[in-house]
Amino acid sequence: MARTSARIMRLARDADGNELRLCYRMVVEQAFDGERQTHAYGVVVKLETQDETQTARIKSLTCCEEKAFGFLQLISRNTVTPICLHEVAEDYLEACT
């Protein structure tokens, strides 16, 4: 079962001036590494406008809490939306390896 460990809320505006409400959450899930229980950290981005809601989730982004929280801060600072979350995560993971 996943639990939320960090949340960042952000208000922004689109090109037409419409308000965007963004919620960035880090989620923690139990994982097993062979015989050892560990944690896997992921993120969820939720975008709400007056007309719609969009959500994207990445499960098991990393097993490092600090790396997951750093990614969460990065995407919130740069107003990453659900549509491009997976692409941004791929680029981030490539740069970190």
C-alpha atoms as a PDB file:
ATOM      1  CA  MET A   1       0.000   0.000   0.000  1.00  0.00           C
ATOM      2  CA  ALA A   2       1.332   3.430  -0.966  1.00  0.00           C
ATOM      3  CA  ARG A   3       1.482   6.361   1.409  1.00  0.00           C
ATOM      4  CA  THR A   4       2.159  10.025   0.770  1.00  0.00           C
ATOM      5  CA  SER A   5       5.326  11.357   2.358  1.00  0.00           C
ATOM      6  CA  ALA A   6       5.614  14.862   0.850  1.00  0.00           C
ATOM      7  CA  ARG A   7       3.271  17.241  -0.931  1.00  0.00           C
ATOM      8  CA  ILE A   8       3.833  20.532  -2.740  1.00  0.00           C
ATOM      9  CA  MET A   9       0.949  22.682  -3.964  1.00  0.00           C
ATOM     10  CA  ARG A  10       1.402  25.282  -6.683  1.00  0.00           C
ATOM     11  CA  LEU A  11      -0.814  27.770  -8.507  1.00  0.00           C
ATOM     12  CA  ALA A  12       0.040  28.800 -12.052  1.00  0.00           C
ATOM     13  CA  ARG A  13      -1.620  30.229 -15.144  1.00  0.00           C
ATOM     14  CA  ASP A  14      -1.777  28.836 -18.652  1.00  0.00           C
ATOM     15  CA  ALA A  15      -1.124  30.864 -21.818  1.00  0.00           C
ATOM     16  CA  ASP A  16      -4.724  32.095 -21.807  1.00  0.00           C
ATOM     17  CA  GLY A  17      -4.538  33.259 -18.184  1.00  0.00           C
ATOM     18  CA  ASN A  18      -6.635  30.416 -16.765  1.00  0.00           C
ATOM     19  CA  GLU A  19      -5.730  29.269 -13.246  1.00  0.00           C
ATOM     20  CA  LEU A  20      -3.979  25.913 -12.887  1.00  0.00           C
ATOM     21  CA  ARG A  21      -3.826  24.131  -9.534  1.00  0.00           C
ATOM     22  CA  LEU A  22      -0.990  21.633  -9.345  1.00  0.00           C
ATOM     23  CA  CYS A  23      -0.345  19.116  -6.604  1.00  0.00           C
ATOM     24  CA  TYR A  24       2.962  17.256  -6.520  1.00  0.00           C
ATOM     25  CA  ARG A  25       3.139  14.265  -4.162  1.00  0.00           C
ATOM     26  CA  MET A  26       5.867  11.821  -3.317  1.00  0.00           C
ATOM     27  CA  VAL A  27       4.530   8.368  -2.538  1.00  0.00           C
ATOM     28  CA  VAL A  28       6.220   5.515  -0.719  1.00  0.00           C
ATOM     29  CA  GLU A  29       5.515   1.853  -1.316  1.00  0.00           C
ATOM     30  CA  GLN A  30       6.919  -1.222   0.309  1.00  0.00           C
ATOM     31  CA  ALA A  31       9.176  -3.227  -1.950  1.00  0.00           C
ATOM     32  CA  PHE A  32      11.220  -6.385  -1.562  1.00  0.00           C
ATOM     33  CA  ASP A  33      14.841  -6.694  -2.567  1.00  0.00           C
ATOM     34  CA  GLY A  34      15.401 -10.428  -2.434  1.00  0.00           C
ATOM     35  CA  GLU A  35      14.693 -11.282   1.188  1.00  0.00           C
ATOM     36  CA  ARG A  36      14.928  -7.737   2.496  1.00  0.00           C
ATOM     37  CA  GLN A  37      12.009  -5.320   2.773  1.00  0.00           C
ATOM     38  CA  THR A  38      12.757  -1.835   1.494  1.00  0.00           C
ATOM     39  CA  HIS A  39      10.908   1.187   0.127  1.00  0.00           C
ATOM     40  CA  ALA A  40      10.277   2.446  -3.392  1.00  0.00           C
ATOM     41  CA  TYR A  41       9.587   6.141  -3.943  1.00  0.00           C
ATOM     42  CA  GLY A  42       7.434   7.542  -6.706  1.00  0.00           C
ATOM     43  CA  VAL A  43       5.628  10.745  -7.607  1.00  0.00           C
ATOM     44  CA  VAL A  44       2.128  11.829  -8.555  1.00  0.00           C
ATOM     45  CA  VAL A  45       1.276  15.060 -10.366  1.00  0.00           C
ATOM     46  CA  LYS A  46      -2.317  16.256 -10.380  1.00  0.00           C
ATOM     47  CA  LEU A  47      -3.453  19.230 -12.461  1.00  0.00           C
ATOM     48  CA  GLU A  48      -6.846  20.801 -11.872  1.00  0.00           C
ATOM     49  CA  THR A  49      -8.420  23.492 -14.011  1.00  0.00           C
ATOM     50  CA  GLN A  50     -11.919  24.851 -14.015  1.00  0.00           C
ATOM     51  CA  ASP A  51     -12.846  22.293 -16.697  1.00  0.00           C
ATOM     52  CA  GLU A  52     -10.804  19.160 -16.043  1.00  0.00           C
ATOM     53  CA  THR A  53      -8.469  17.136 -13.863  1.00  0.00           C
ATOM     54  CA  GLN A  54      -5.383  15.274 -15.121  1.00  0.00           C
ATOM     55  CA  THR A  55      -3.193  12.947 -13.099  1.00  0.00           C
ATOM     56  CA  ALA A  56       0.069  11.135 -13.856  1.00  0.00           C
ATOM     57  CA  ARG A  57       1.931   8.733 -11.597  1.00  0.00           C
ATOM     58  CA  ILE A  58       5.352   7.162 -11.620  1.00  0.00           C
ATOM     59  CA  LYS A  59       5.699   4.203  -9.288  1.00  0.00           C
ATOM     60  CA  SER A  60       9.117   3.134  -8.059  1.00  0.00           C
ATOM     61  CA  LEU A  61      11.075   6.037  -9.478  1.00  0.00           C
ATOM     62  CA  THR A  62      13.930   5.294  -7.060  1.00  0.00           C
ATOM     63  CA  CYS A  63      14.742   3.553  -3.794  1.00  0.00           C
ATOM     64  CA  CYS A  64      16.478   6.716  -2.543  1.00  0.00           C
ATOM     65  CA  GLU A  65      14.192   9.053  -0.588  1.00  0.00           C
ATOM     66  CA  GLU A  66      16.493  12.056  -1.086  1.00  0.00           C
ATOM     67  CA  LYS A  67      16.607  11.547  -4.859  1.00  0.00           C
ATOM     68  CA  ALA A  68      12.809  11.251  -5.032  1.00  0.00           C
ATOM     69  CA  PHE A  69      12.327  14.398  -2.939  1.00  0.00           C
ATOM     70  CA  GLY A  70      14.854  16.269  -5.091  1.00  0.00           C
ATOM     71  CA  PHE A  71      12.926  15.234  -8.194  1.00  0.00           C
ATOM     72  CA  LEU A  72       9.666  16.345  -6.568  1.00  0.00           C
ATOM     73  CA  GLN A  73      11.143  19.777  -5.835  1.00  0.00           C
ATOM     74  CA  LEU A  74      12.551  20.031  -9.365  1.00  0.00           C
ATOM     75  CA  ILE A  75       9.261  19.280 -11.105  1.00  0.00           C
ATOM     76  CA  SER A  76       7.298  21.616  -8.833  1.00  0.00           C
ATOM     77  CA  ARG A  77       9.749  24.513  -9.387  1.00  0.00           C
ATOM     78  CA  ASN A  78       9.474  23.997 -13.141  1.00  0.00           C
ATOM     79  CA  THR A  79       5.680  23.557 -13.175  1.00  0.00           C
ATOM     80  CA  VAL A  80       5.797  20.122 -14.792  1.00  0.00           C
ATOM     81  CA  THR A  81       2.318  18.949 -15.765  1.00  0.00           C
ATOM     82  CA  PRO A  82       0.992  15.378 -15.931  1.00  0.00           C
ATOM     83  CA  ILE A  83       1.328  15.355 -19.719  1.00  0.00           C
ATOM     84  CA  CYS A  84       5.136  15.612 -19.652  1.00  0.00           C
ATOM     85  CA  LEU A  85       5.926  13.945 -16.292  1.00  0.00           C
ATOM     86  CA  HIS A  86       7.171  10.661 -17.776  1.00  0.00           C
ATOM     87  CA  GLU A  87       9.422  12.364 -20.312  1.00  0.00           C
ATOM     88  CA  VAL A  88      10.938  14.634 -17.650  1.00  0.00           C
ATOM     89  CA  ALA A  89      11.496  11.622 -15.361  1.00  0.00           C
ATOM     90  CA  GLU A  90      13.295   9.724 -18.137  1.00  0.00           C
ATOM     91  CA  ASP A  91      15.611  12.674 -18.769  1.00  0.00           C
ATOM     92  CA  TYR A  92      16.226  13.092 -15.020  1.00  0.00           C
ATOM     93  CA  LEU A  93      17.110   9.434 -14.520  1.00  0.00           C
ATOM     94  CA  GLU A  94      19.436   9.452 -17.564  1.00  0.00           C
ATOM     95  CA  ALA A  95      21.258  12.498 -16.195  1.00  0.00           C
ATOM     96  CA  CYS A  96      21.650  10.867 -12.759  1.00  0.00           C
ATOM     97  CA  THR A  97      23.297   7.679 -14.074  1.00  0.00           C
END
